[in-house]
All heavy atoms as atom14 arrays in JSON, in Angstrom:
{
  "sequence": "IATGQIPASSHAPIGAPVQGITLFLLLRAFASGCSALTGVEAISNAIP",
  "atom14_mask": [
    [1, 1, 1, 1, 1, 1, 1, 1, 0, 0, 0, 0, 0, 0],
    [1, 1, 1, 1, 1, 0, 0, 0, 0, 0, 0, 0, 0, 0],
    [1, 1, 1, 1, 1, 1, 1, 0, 0, 0, 0, 0, 0, 0],
    [1, 1, 1, 1, 0, 0, 0, 0, 0, 0, 0, 0, 0, 0],
    [1, 1, 1, 1, 1, 1, 1, 1, 1, 0, 0, 0, 0, 0],
    [1, 1, 1, 1, 1, 1, 1, 1, 0, 0, 0, 0, 0, 0],
    [1, 1, 1, 1, 1, 1, 1, 0, 0, 0, 0, 0, 0, 0],
    [1, 1, 1, 1, 1, 0, 0, 0, 0, 0, 0, 0, 0, 0],
    [1, 1, 1, 1, 1, 1, 0, 0, 0, 0, 0, 0, 0, 0],
    [1, 1, 1, 1, 1, 1, 0, 0, 0, 0, 0, 0, 0, 0],
    [1, 1, 1, 1, 1, 1, 1, 1, 1, 1, 0, 0, 0, 0],
    [1, 1, 1, 1, 1, 0, 0, 0, 0, 0, 0, 0, 0, 0],
    [1, 1, 1, 1, 1, 1, 1, 0, 0, 0, 0, 0, 0, 0],
    [1, 1, 1, 1, 1, 1, 1, 1, 0, 0, 0, 0, 0, 0],
    [1, 1, 1, 1, 0, 0, 0, 0, 0, 0, 0, 0, 0, 0],
    [1, 1, 1, 1, 1, 0, 0, 0, 0, 0, 0, 0, 0, 0],
    [1, 1, 1, 1, 1, 1, 1, 0, 0, 0, 0, 0, 0, 0],
    [1, 1, 1, 1, 1, 1, 1, 0, 0, 0, 0, 0, 0, 0],
    [1, 1, 1, 1, 1, 1, 1, 1, 1, 0, 0, 0, 0, 0],
    [1, 1, 1, 1, 0, 0, 0, 0, 0, 0, 0, 0, 0, 0],
    [1, 1, 1, 1, 1, 1, 1, 1, 0, 0, 0, 0, 0, 0],
    [1, 1, 1, 1, 1, 1, 1, 0, 0, 0, 0, 0, 0, 0],
    [1, 1, 1, 1, 1, 1, 1, 1, 0, 0, 0, 0, 0, 0],
    [1, 1, 1, 1, 1, 1, 1, 1, 1, 1, 1, 0, 0, 0],
    [1, 1, 1, 1, 1, 1, 1, 1, 0, 0, 0, 0, 0, 0],
    [1, 1, 1, 1, 1, 1, 1, 1, 0, 0, 0, 0, 0, 0],
    [1, 1, 1, 1, 1, 1, 1, 1, 0, 0, 0, 0, 0, 0],
    [1, 1, 1, 1, 1, 1, 1, 1, 1, 1, 1, 0, 0, 0],
    [1, 1, 1, 1, 1, 0, 0, 0, 0, 0, 0, 0, 0, 0],
    [1, 1, 1, 1, 1, 1, 1, 1, 1, 1, 1, 0, 0, 0],
    [1, 1, 1, 1, 1, 0, 0, 0, 0, 0, 0, 0, 0, 0],
    [1, 1, 1, 1, 1, 1, 0, 0, 0, 0, 0, 0, 0, 0],
    [1, 1, 1, 1, 0, 0, 0, 0, 0, 0, 0, 0, 0, 0],
    [1, 1, 1, 1, 1, 1, 0, 0, 0, 0, 0, 0, 0, 0],
    [1, 1, 1, 1, 1, 1, 0, 0, 0, 0, 0, 0, 0, 0],
    [1, 1, 1, 1, 1, 0, 0, 0, 0, 0, 0, 0, 0, 0],
    [1, 1, 1, 1, 1, 1, 1, 1, 0, 0, 0, 0, 0, 0],
    [1, 1, 1, 1, 1, 1, 1, 0, 0, 0, 0, 0, 0, 0],
    [1, 1, 1, 1, 0, 0, 0, 0, 0, 0, 0, 0, 0, 0],
    [1, 1, 1, 1, 1, 1, 1, 0, 0, 0, 0, 0, 0, 0],
    [1, 1, 1, 1, 1, 1, 1, 1, 1, 0, 0, 0, 0, 0],
    [1, 1, 1, 1, 1, 0, 0, 0, 0, 0, 0, 0, 0, 0],
    [1, 1, 1, 1, 1, 1, 1, 1, 0, 0, 0, 0, 0, 0],
    [1, 1, 1, 1, 1, 1, 0, 0, 0, 0, 0, 0, 0, 0],
    [1, 1, 1, 1, 1, 1, 1, 1, 0, 0, 0, 0, 0, 0],
    [1, 1, 1, 1, 1, 0, 0, 0, 0, 0, 0, 0, 0, 0],
    [1, 1, 1, 1, 1, 1, 1, 1, 0, 0, 0, 0, 0, 0],
    [1, 1, 1, 1, 1, 1, 1, 0, 0, 0, 0, 0, 0, 0]
  ],
  "atom14_positions": [
    [[13.71, 221.44, 16.21], [14.54, 221.61, 17.41], [15.68, 220.6, 17.41], [16.86, 220.96, 17.68], [13.67, 221.44, 18.68], [12.69, 222.62, 18.81], [14.54, 221.34, 19.94], [11.65, 222.42, 19.89], [0.0, 0.0, 0.0], [0.0, 0.0, 0.0], [0.0, 0.0, 0.0], [0.0, 0.0, 0.0], [0.0, 0.0, 0.0], [0.0, 0.0, 0.0]],
    [[15.39, 219.34, 17.08], [16.4, 218.29, 17.08], [17.49, 218.53, 16.04], [18.66, 218.17, 16.25], [15.74, 216.92, 16.83], [0.0, 0.0, 0.0], [0.0, 0.0, 0.0], [0.0, 0.0, 0.0], [0.0, 0.0, 0.0], [0.0, 0.0, 0.0], [0.0, 0.0, 0.0], [0.0, 0.0, 0.0], [0.0, 0.0, 0.0], [0.0, 0.0, 0.0]],
    [[17.12, 219.18, 14.91], [18.11, 219.42, 13.85], [18.77, 220.8, 13.98], [19.5, 221.23, 13.09], [17.42, 219.33, 12.47], [16.29, 220.2, 12.43], [16.97, 217.89, 12.2], [0.0, 0.0, 0.0], [0.0, 0.0, 0.0], [0.0, 0.0, 0.0], [0.0, 0.0, 0.0], [0.0, 0.0, 0.0], [0.0, 0.0, 0.0], [0.0, 0.0, 0.0]],
    [[18.51, 221.48, 15.08], [19.17, 222.76, 15.36], [18.63, 223.94, 14.58], [19.27, 225.0, 14.55], [0.0, 0.0, 0.0], [0.0, 0.0, 0.0], [0.0, 0.0, 0.0], [0.0, 0.0, 0.0], [0.0, 0.0, 0.0], [0.0, 0.0, 0.0], [0.0, 0.0, 0.0], [0.0, 0.0, 0.0], [0.0, 0.0, 0.0], [0.0, 0.0, 0.0]],
    [[17.46, 223.8, 13.96], [16.9, 224.91, 13.2], [16.33, 225.99, 14.12], [16.14, 227.13, 13.71], [15.81, 224.4, 12.25], [16.33, 223.43, 11.19], [15.2, 222.94, 10.28], [14.42, 223.74, 9.76], [15.13, 221.63, 10.07], [0.0, 0.0, 0.0], [0.0, 0.0, 0.0], [0.0, 0.0, 0.0], [0.0, 0.0, 0.0], [0.0, 0.0, 0.0]],
    [[16.03, 225.62, 15.35], [15.56, 226.57, 16.36], [16.68, 226.74, 17.38], [17.04, 225.79, 18.09], [14.28, 226.09, 17.05], [13.19, 225.73, 16.05], [13.77, 227.15, 18.05], [12.7, 226.88, 15.2], [0.0, 0.0, 0.0], [0.0, 0.0, 0.0], [0.0, 0.0, 0.0], [0.0, 0.0, 0.0], [0.0, 0.0, 0.0], [0.0, 0.0, 0.0]],
    [[17.29, 227.93, 17.48], [18.42, 228.1, 18.4], [17.99, 228.01, 19.85], [16.89, 228.46, 20.23], [18.91, 229.52, 18.07], [17.74, 230.21, 17.47], [16.97, 229.15, 16.75], [0.0, 0.0, 0.0], [0.0, 0.0, 0.0], [0.0, 0.0, 0.0], [0.0, 0.0, 0.0], [0.0, 0.0, 0.0], [0.0, 0.0, 0.0], [0.0, 0.0, 0.0]],
    [[18.87, 227.43, 20.68], [18.58, 227.28, 22.11], [18.53, 228.62, 22.82], [17.97, 228.74, 23.91], [19.65, 226.38, 22.76], [0.0, 0.0, 0.0], [0.0, 0.0, 0.0], [0.0, 0.0, 0.0], [0.0, 0.0, 0.0], [0.0, 0.0, 0.0], [0.0, 0.0, 0.0], [0.0, 0.0, 0.0], [0.0, 0.0, 0.0], [0.0, 0.0, 0.0]],
    [[19.11, 229.63, 22.2], [19.12, 230.96, 22.8], [17.74, 231.64, 22.77], [17.56, 232.71, 23.33], [20.12, 231.86, 22.07], [19.78, 231.95, 20.67], [0.0, 0.0, 0.0], [0.0, 0.0, 0.0], [0.0, 0.0, 0.0], [0.0, 0.0, 0.0], [0.0, 0.0, 0.0], [0.0, 0.0, 0.0], [0.0, 0.0, 0.0], [0.0, 0.0, 0.0]],
    [[16.77, 230.98, 22.1], [15.44, 231.57, 22.0], [14.73, 231.62, 23.35], [13.76, 232.35, 23.53], [14.57, 230.79, 21.01], [15.17, 230.78, 19.73], [0.0, 0.0, 0.0], [0.0, 0.0, 0.0], [0.0, 0.0, 0.0], [0.0, 0.0, 0.0], [0.0, 0.0, 0.0], [0.0, 0.0, 0.0], [0.0, 0.0, 0.0], [0.0, 0.0, 0.0]],
    [[15.19, 230.79, 24.3], [14.5, 230.7, 25.59], [15.52, 230.72, 26.74], [16.71, 230.42, 26.54], [13.69, 229.41, 25.66], [14.54, 228.17, 25.57], [14.9, 227.63, 24.36], [15.14, 227.39, 26.52], [15.65, 226.56, 24.56], [15.8, 226.4, 25.87], [0.0, 0.0, 0.0], [0.0, 0.0, 0.0], [0.0, 0.0, 0.0], [0.0, 0.0, 0.0]],
    [[15.02, 231.06, 27.9], [15.86, 231.01, 29.1], [16.0, 229.56, 29.52], [15.05, 228.78, 29.43], [15.22, 231.82, 30.22], [0.0, 0.0, 0.0], [0.0, 0.0, 0.0], [0.0, 0.0, 0.0], [0.0, 0.0, 0.0], [0.0, 0.0, 0.0], [0.0, 0.0, 0.0], [0.0, 0.0, 0.0], [0.0, 0.0, 0.0], [0.0, 0.0, 0.0]],
    [[17.19, 229.15, 29.98], [17.37, 227.74, 30.39], [16.52, 227.4, 31.61], [16.23, 228.25, 32.45], [18.88, 227.67, 30.72], [19.27, 229.08, 31.01], [18.4, 229.95, 30.16], [0.0, 0.0, 0.0], [0.0, 0.0, 0.0], [0.0, 0.0, 0.0], [0.0, 0.0, 0.0], [0.0, 0.0, 0.0], [0.0, 0.0, 0.0], [0.0, 0.0, 0.0]],
    [[16.13, 226.13, 31.69], [15.36, 225.67, 32.85], [16.23, 225.79, 34.1], [17.38, 225.37, 34.12], [14.9, 224.2, 32.64], [13.89, 224.15, 31.49], [14.32, 223.62, 33.92], [13.41, 222.76, 31.15], [0.0, 0.0, 0.0], [0.0, 0.0, 0.0], [0.0, 0.0, 0.0], [0.0, 0.0, 0.0], [0.0, 0.0, 0.0], [0.0, 0.0, 0.0]],
    [[15.66, 226.37, 35.13], [16.4, 226.57, 36.39], [16.99, 227.95, 36.52], [17.6, 228.25, 37.57], [0.0, 0.0, 0.0], [0.0, 0.0, 0.0], [0.0, 0.0, 0.0], [0.0, 0.0, 0.0], [0.0, 0.0, 0.0], [0.0, 0.0, 0.0], [0.0, 0.0, 0.0], [0.0, 0.0, 0.0], [0.0, 0.0, 0.0], [0.0, 0.0, 0.0]],
    [[16.88, 228.78, 35.46], [17.43, 230.14, 35.55], [16.74, 230.91, 36.69], [15.53, 230.84, 36.84], [17.2, 230.87, 34.23], [0.0, 0.0, 0.0], [0.0, 0.0, 0.0], [0.0, 0.0, 0.0], [0.0, 0.0, 0.0], [0.0, 0.0, 0.0], [0.0, 0.0, 0.0], [0.0, 0.0, 0.0], [0.0, 0.0, 0.0], [0.0, 0.0, 0.0]],
    [[17.51, 231.63, 37.52], [16.91, 232.37, 38.64], [16.0, 233.49, 38.12], [16.3, 234.16, 37.14], [18.12, 232.93, 39.38], [19.23, 232.95, 38.38], [18.97, 231.81, 37.45], [0.0, 0.0, 0.0], [0.0, 0.0, 0.0], [0.0, 0.0, 0.0], [0.0, 0.0, 0.0], [0.0, 0.0, 0.0], [0.0, 0.0, 0.0], [0.0, 0.0, 0.0]],
    [[14.88, 233.67, 38.81], [13.91, 234.68, 38.44], [13.59, 235.54, 39.65], [13.14, 235.02, 40.68], [12.61, 234.05, 37.9], [11.61, 235.12, 37.49], [12.91, 233.12, 36.72], [0.0, 0.0, 0.0], [0.0, 0.0, 0.0], [0.0, 0.0, 0.0], [0.0, 0.0, 0.0], [0.0, 0.0, 0.0], [0.0, 0.0, 0.0], [0.0, 0.0, 0.0]],
    [[13.85, 236.81, 39.54], [13.55, 237.72, 40.66], [12.05, 238.01, 40.71], [11.42, 238.2, 39.67], [14.32, 239.03, 40.51], [15.82, 238.89, 40.73], [16.52, 240.23, 40.73], [15.92, 241.24, 40.35], [17.78, 240.25, 41.13], [0.0, 0.0, 0.0], [0.0, 0.0, 0.0], [0.0, 0.0, 0.0], [0.0, 0.0, 0.0], [0.0, 0.0, 0.0]],
    [[11.51, 238.06, 41.92], [10.11, 238.41, 42.09], [9.14, 237.26, 42.0], [7.93, 237.44, 42.18], [0.0, 0.0, 0.0], [0.0, 0.0, 0.0], [0.0, 0.0, 0.0], [0.0, 0.0, 0.0], [0.0, 0.0, 0.0], [0.0, 0.0, 0.0], [0.0, 0.0, 0.0], [0.0, 0.0, 0.0], [0.0, 0.0, 0.0], [0.0, 0.0, 0.0]],
    [[9.64, 236.05, 41.7], [8.75, 234.89, 41.61], [8.31, 234.48, 43.02], [9.1, 234.49, 43.96], [9.43, 233.72, 40.87], [8.4, 232.7, 40.37], [10.47, 233.04, 41.76], [7.66, 233.15, 39.16], [0.0, 0.0, 0.0], [0.0, 0.0, 0.0], [0.0, 0.0, 0.0], [0.0, 0.0, 0.0], [0.0, 0.0, 0.0], [0.0, 0.0, 0.0]],
    [[7.02, 234.14, 43.16], [6.5, 233.73, 44.47], [5.67, 232.47, 44.29], [5.23, 232.12, 43.19], [5.58, 234.81, 45.07], [4.45, 235.02, 44.21], [6.33, 236.13, 45.26], [0.0, 0.0, 0.0], [0.0, 0.0, 0.0], [0.0, 0.0, 0.0], [0.0, 0.0, 0.0], [0.0, 0.0, 0.0], [0.0, 0.0, 0.0], [0.0, 0.0, 0.0]],
    [[5.49, 231.75, 45.39], [4.67, 230.54, 45.36], [3.24, 230.86, 44.95], [2.62, 230.12, 44.19], [4.69, 229.86, 46.74], [3.85, 228.59, 46.87], [4.33, 227.51, 45.92], [3.85, 228.07, 48.31], [0.0, 0.0, 0.0], [0.0, 0.0, 0.0], [0.0, 0.0, 0.0], [0.0, 0.0, 0.0], [0.0, 0.0, 0.0], [0.0, 0.0, 0.0]],
    [[2.75, 231.99, 45.43], [1.37, 232.38, 45.12], [1.22, 232.59, 43.6], [0.22, 232.16, 43.01], [1.01, 233.68, 45.86], [-0.39, 234.15, 45.59], [-1.49, 233.55, 46.2], [-0.61, 235.2, 44.69], [-2.77, 233.97, 45.93], [-1.9, 235.64, 44.43], [-2.98, 235.02, 45.05], [0.0, 0.0, 0.0], [0.0, 0.0, 0.0], [0.0, 0.0, 0.0]],
    [[2.19, 233.24, 42.97], [2.11, 233.49, 41.54], [2.18, 232.16, 40.76], [1.47, 231.98, 39.77], [3.24, 234.42, 41.11], [3.14, 234.88, 39.64], [3.42, 236.38, 39.53], [4.14, 234.12, 38.77], [0.0, 0.0, 0.0], [0.0, 0.0, 0.0], [0.0, 0.0, 0.0], [0.0, 0.0, 0.0], [0.0, 0.0, 0.0], [0.0, 0.0, 0.0]],
    [[3.03, 231.24, 41.22], [3.12, 229.92, 40.56], [1.81, 229.15, 40.69], [1.36, 228.5, 39.73], [4.27, 229.12, 41.16], [5.68, 229.65, 40.86], [6.73, 228.83, 41.6], [5.97, 229.62, 39.35], [0.0, 0.0, 0.0], [0.0, 0.0, 0.0], [0.0, 0.0, 0.0], [0.0, 0.0, 0.0], [0.0, 0.0, 0.0], [0.0, 0.0, 0.0]],
    [[1.19, 229.24, 41.86], [-0.1, 228.57, 42.05], [-1.17, 229.21, 41.17], [-2.05, 228.52, 40.63], [-0.53, 228.64, 43.52], [0.27, 227.76, 44.49], [-0.14, 228.06, 45.93], [0.07, 226.28, 44.18], [0.0, 0.0, 0.0], [0.0, 0.0, 0.0], [0.0, 0.0, 0.0], [0.0, 0.0, 0.0], [0.0, 0.0, 0.0], [0.0, 0.0, 0.0]],
    [[-1.08, 230.53, 41.01], [-2.03, 231.22, 40.15], [-1.85, 230.79, 38.69], [-2.83, 230.57, 37.97], [-1.82, 232.73, 40.28], [-2.81, 233.57, 39.54], [-2.51, 235.05, 39.71], [-3.25, 235.85, 38.76], [-3.0, 237.11, 38.52], [-2.02, 237.74, 39.17], [-3.71, 237.79, 37.66], [0.0, 0.0, 0.0], [0.0, 0.0, 0.0], [0.0, 0.0, 0.0]],
    [[-0.59, 230.64, 38.26], [-0.32, 230.17, 36.9], [-0.81, 228.73, 36.72], [-1.36, 228.37, 35.67], [1.18, 230.25, 36.6], [0.0, 0.0, 0.0], [0.0, 0.0, 0.0], [0.0, 0.0, 0.0], [0.0, 0.0, 0.0], [0.0, 0.0, 0.0], [0.0, 0.0, 0.0], [0.0, 0.0, 0.0], [0.0, 0.0, 0.0], [0.0, 0.0, 0.0]],
    [[-0.63, 227.92, 37.76], [-1.09, 226.53, 37.72], [-2.62, 226.49, 37.59], [-3.17, 225.73, 36.79], [-0.65, 225.79, 38.98], [-1.23, 224.42, 39.13], [-0.86, 223.39, 38.29], [-2.18, 224.16, 40.12], [-1.41, 222.12, 38.43], [-2.73, 222.91, 40.27], [-2.34, 221.88, 39.42], [0.0, 0.0, 0.0], [0.0, 0.0, 0.0], [0.0, 0.0, 0.0]],
    [[-3.31, 227.32, 38.38], [-4.78, 227.37, 38.33], [-5.24, 227.81, 36.94], [-6.21, 227.26, 36.38], [-5.31, 228.32, 39.38], [0.0, 0.0, 0.0], [0.0, 0.0, 0.0], [0.0, 0.0, 0.0], [0.0, 0.0, 0.0], [0.0, 0.0, 0.0], [0.0, 0.0, 0.0], [0.0, 0.0, 0.0], [0.0, 0.0, 0.0], [0.0, 0.0, 0.0]],
    [[-4.56, 228.79, 36.35], [-4.92, 229.24, 35.01], [-4.7, 228.13, 33.99], [-5.5, 227.95, 33.07], [-4.09, 230.48, 34.63], [-4.39, 231.56, 35.48], [0.0, 0.0, 0.0], [0.0, 0.0, 0.0], [0.0, 0.0, 0.0], [0.0, 0.0, 0.0], [0.0, 0.0, 0.0], [0.0, 0.0, 0.0], [0.0, 0.0, 0.0], [0.0, 0.0, 0.0]],
    [[-3.62, 227.39, 34.14], [-3.34, 226.28, 33.22], [-4.34, 225.16, 33.33], [-4.57, 224.42, 32.37], [0.0, 0.0, 0.0], [0.0, 0.0, 0.0], [0.0, 0.0, 0.0], [0.0, 0.0, 0.0], [0.0, 0.0, 0.0], [0.0, 0.0, 0.0], [0.0, 0.0, 0.0], [0.0, 0.0, 0.0], [0.0, 0.0, 0.0], [0.0, 0.0, 0.0]],
    [[-4.96, 225.05, 34.5], [-5.97, 224.0, 34.7], [-7.24, 224.25, 33.89], [-8.13, 223.4, 33.84], [-6.33, 223.88, 36.18], [-5.03, 223.1, 37.16], [0.0, 0.0, 0.0], [0.0, 0.0, 0.0], [0.0, 0.0, 0.0], [0.0, 0.0, 0.0], [0.0, 0.0, 0.0], [0.0, 0.0, 0.0], [0.0, 0.0, 0.0], [0.0, 0.0, 0.0]],
    [[-7.33, 225.42, 33.25], [-8.46, 225.65, 32.34], [-8.42, 224.67, 31.18], [-9.41, 224.46, 30.48], [-8.45, 227.08, 31.82], [-7.24, 227.33, 31.1], [0.0, 0.0, 0.0], [0.0, 0.0, 0.0], [0.0, 0.0, 0.0], [0.0, 0.0, 0.0], [0.0, 0.0, 0.0], [0.0, 0.0, 0.0], [0.0, 0.0, 0.0], [0.0, 0.0, 0.0]],
    [[-7.24, 224.05, 30.97], [-7.11, 223.03, 29.91], [-7.86, 221.75, 30.26], [-7.98, 220.86, 29.42], [-5.63, 222.71, 29.68], [0.0, 0.0, 0.0], [0.0, 0.0, 0.0], [0.0, 0.0, 0.0], [0.0, 0.0, 0.0], [0.0, 0.0, 0.0], [0.0, 0.0, 0.0], [0.0, 0.0, 0.0], [0.0, 0.0, 0.0], [0.0, 0.0, 0.0]],
    [[-8.36, 221.64, 31.5], [-9.01, 220.41, 31.94], [-10.53, 220.49, 31.87], [-11.22, 219.55, 32.25], [-8.58, 220.07, 33.38], [-7.07, 219.93, 33.6], [-6.78, 219.57, 35.04], [-6.47, 218.89, 32.66], [0.0, 0.0, 0.0], [0.0, 0.0, 0.0], [0.0, 0.0, 0.0], [0.0, 0.0, 0.0], [0.0, 0.0, 0.0], [0.0, 0.0, 0.0]],
    [[-11.06, 221.63, 31.43], [-12.51, 221.75, 31.31], [-13.03, 220.75, 30.28], [-12.43, 220.55, 29.24], [-12.93, 223.16, 30.89], [-12.25, 223.5, 29.67], [-12.57, 224.18, 31.95], [0.0, 0.0, 0.0], [0.0, 0.0, 0.0], [0.0, 0.0, 0.0], [0.0, 0.0, 0.0], [0.0, 0.0, 0.0], [0.0, 0.0, 0.0], [0.0, 0.0, 0.0]],
    [[-14.13, 220.1, 30.6], [-14.73, 219.12, 29.69], [-14.37, 217.69, 29.99], [-14.94, 216.76, 29.4], [0.0, 0.0, 0.0], [0.0, 0.0, 0.0], [0.0, 0.0, 0.0], [0.0, 0.0, 0.0], [0.0, 0.0, 0.0], [0.0, 0.0, 0.0], [0.0, 0.0, 0.0], [0.0, 0.0, 0.0], [0.0, 0.0, 0.0], [0.0, 0.0, 0.0]],
    [[-13.44, 217.46, 30.95], [-13.02, 216.1, 31.28], [-14.18, 215.29, 31.84], [-14.27, 214.07, 31.65], [-11.84, 216.13, 32.29], [-11.54, 214.75, 32.84], [-10.59, 216.69, 31.61], [0.0, 0.0, 0.0], [0.0, 0.0, 0.0], [0.0, 0.0, 0.0], [0.0, 0.0, 0.0], [0.0, 0.0, 0.0], [0.0, 0.0, 0.0], [0.0, 0.0, 0.0]],
    [[-15.11, 215.96, 32.54], [-16.2, 215.27, 33.23], [-17.34, 214.87, 32.31], [-18.23, 214.11, 32.7], [-16.76, 216.17, 34.36], [-17.72, 217.24, 33.93], [-17.13, 218.3, 33.0], [-15.92, 218.57, 33.07], [-17.89, 218.86, 32.2], [0.0, 0.0, 0.0], [0.0, 0.0, 0.0], [0.0, 0.0, 0.0], [0.0, 0.0, 0.0], [0.0, 0.0, 0.0]],
    [[-17.36, 215.36, 31.06], [-18.54, 215.19, 30.2], [-18.83, 213.72, 29.92], [-20.0, 213.33, 29.85], [-18.31, 215.94, 28.89], [0.0, 0.0, 0.0], [0.0, 0.0, 0.0], [0.0, 0.0, 0.0], [0.0, 0.0, 0.0], [0.0, 0.0, 0.0], [0.0, 0.0, 0.0], [0.0, 0.0, 0.0], [0.0, 0.0, 0.0], [0.0, 0.0, 0.0]],
    [[-17.81, 212.89, 29.78], [-18.04, 211.48, 29.42], [-18.81, 210.75, 30.54], [-19.69, 209.95, 30.27], [-16.7, 210.78, 29.12], [-16.14, 211.34, 27.81], [-16.86, 209.28, 29.03], [-14.76, 210.86, 27.46], [0.0, 0.0, 0.0], [0.0, 0.0, 0.0], [0.0, 0.0, 0.0], [0.0, 0.0, 0.0], [0.0, 0.0, 0.0], [0.0, 0.0, 0.0]],
    [[-18.48, 211.04, 31.79], [-19.17, 210.36, 32.9], [-20.64, 210.76, 32.99], [-21.45, 210.03, 33.55], [-18.46, 210.67, 34.23], [-18.6, 212.03, 34.58], [0.0, 0.0, 0.0], [0.0, 0.0, 0.0], [0.0, 0.0, 0.0], [0.0, 0.0, 0.0], [0.0, 0.0, 0.0], [0.0, 0.0, 0.0], [0.0, 0.0, 0.0], [0.0, 0.0, 0.0]],
    [[-20.99, 211.94, 32.46], [-22.4, 212.37, 32.44], [-23.18, 211.71, 31.31], [-24.4, 211.63, 31.37], [-22.49, 213.89, 32.28], [-22.13, 214.63, 33.54], [-22.42, 214.18, 34.63], [-21.49, 215.77, 33.39], [0.0, 0.0, 0.0], [0.0, 0.0, 0.0], [0.0, 0.0, 0.0], [0.0, 0.0, 0.0], [0.0, 0.0, 0.0], [0.0, 0.0, 0.0]],
    [[-22.47, 211.26, 30.28], [-23.14, 210.81, 29.05], [-23.0, 209.32, 28.8], [-23.09, 208.87, 27.66], [-22.57, 211.59, 27.86], [0.0, 0.0, 0.0], [0.0, 0.0, 0.0], [0.0, 0.0, 0.0], [0.0, 0.0, 0.0], [0.0, 0.0, 0.0], [0.0, 0.0, 0.0], [0.0, 0.0, 0.0], [0.0, 0.0, 0.0], [0.0, 0.0, 0.0]],
    [[-22.83, 208.51, 29.83], [-22.65, 207.06, 29.67], [-23.82, 206.42, 28.91], [-23.59, 205.56, 28.05], [-22.46, 206.38, 31.04], [-21.22, 206.94, 31.75], [-22.29, 204.86, 30.88], [-21.08, 206.52, 33.19], [0.0, 0.0, 0.0], [0.0, 0.0, 0.0], [0.0, 0.0, 0.0], [0.0, 0.0, 0.0], [0.0, 0.0, 0.0], [0.0, 0.0, 0.0]],
    [[-25.09, 206.81, 29.17], [-26.19, 206.17, 28.42], [-26.15, 206.38, 26.92], [-26.84, 205.68, 26.18], [-27.45, 206.85, 29.02], [-27.03, 207.3, 30.37], [-25.59, 207.72, 30.22], [0.0, 0.0, 0.0], [0.0, 0.0, 0.0], [0.0, 0.0, 0.0], [0.0, 0.0, 0.0], [0.0, 0.0, 0.0], [0.0, 0.0, 0.0], [0.0, 0.0, 0.0]]
  ]
}
């Protein structure tokens, strides 16, 4: 990316307006992304 081998046109710029986007949909995407946090609690269960 830094050397320009990946063109910036590959993605929409940050802040581009999106029709139909809602707070509920963003919260749903956030909740789905939180699946990346599964397993964080395991260490506190296994201290011994």
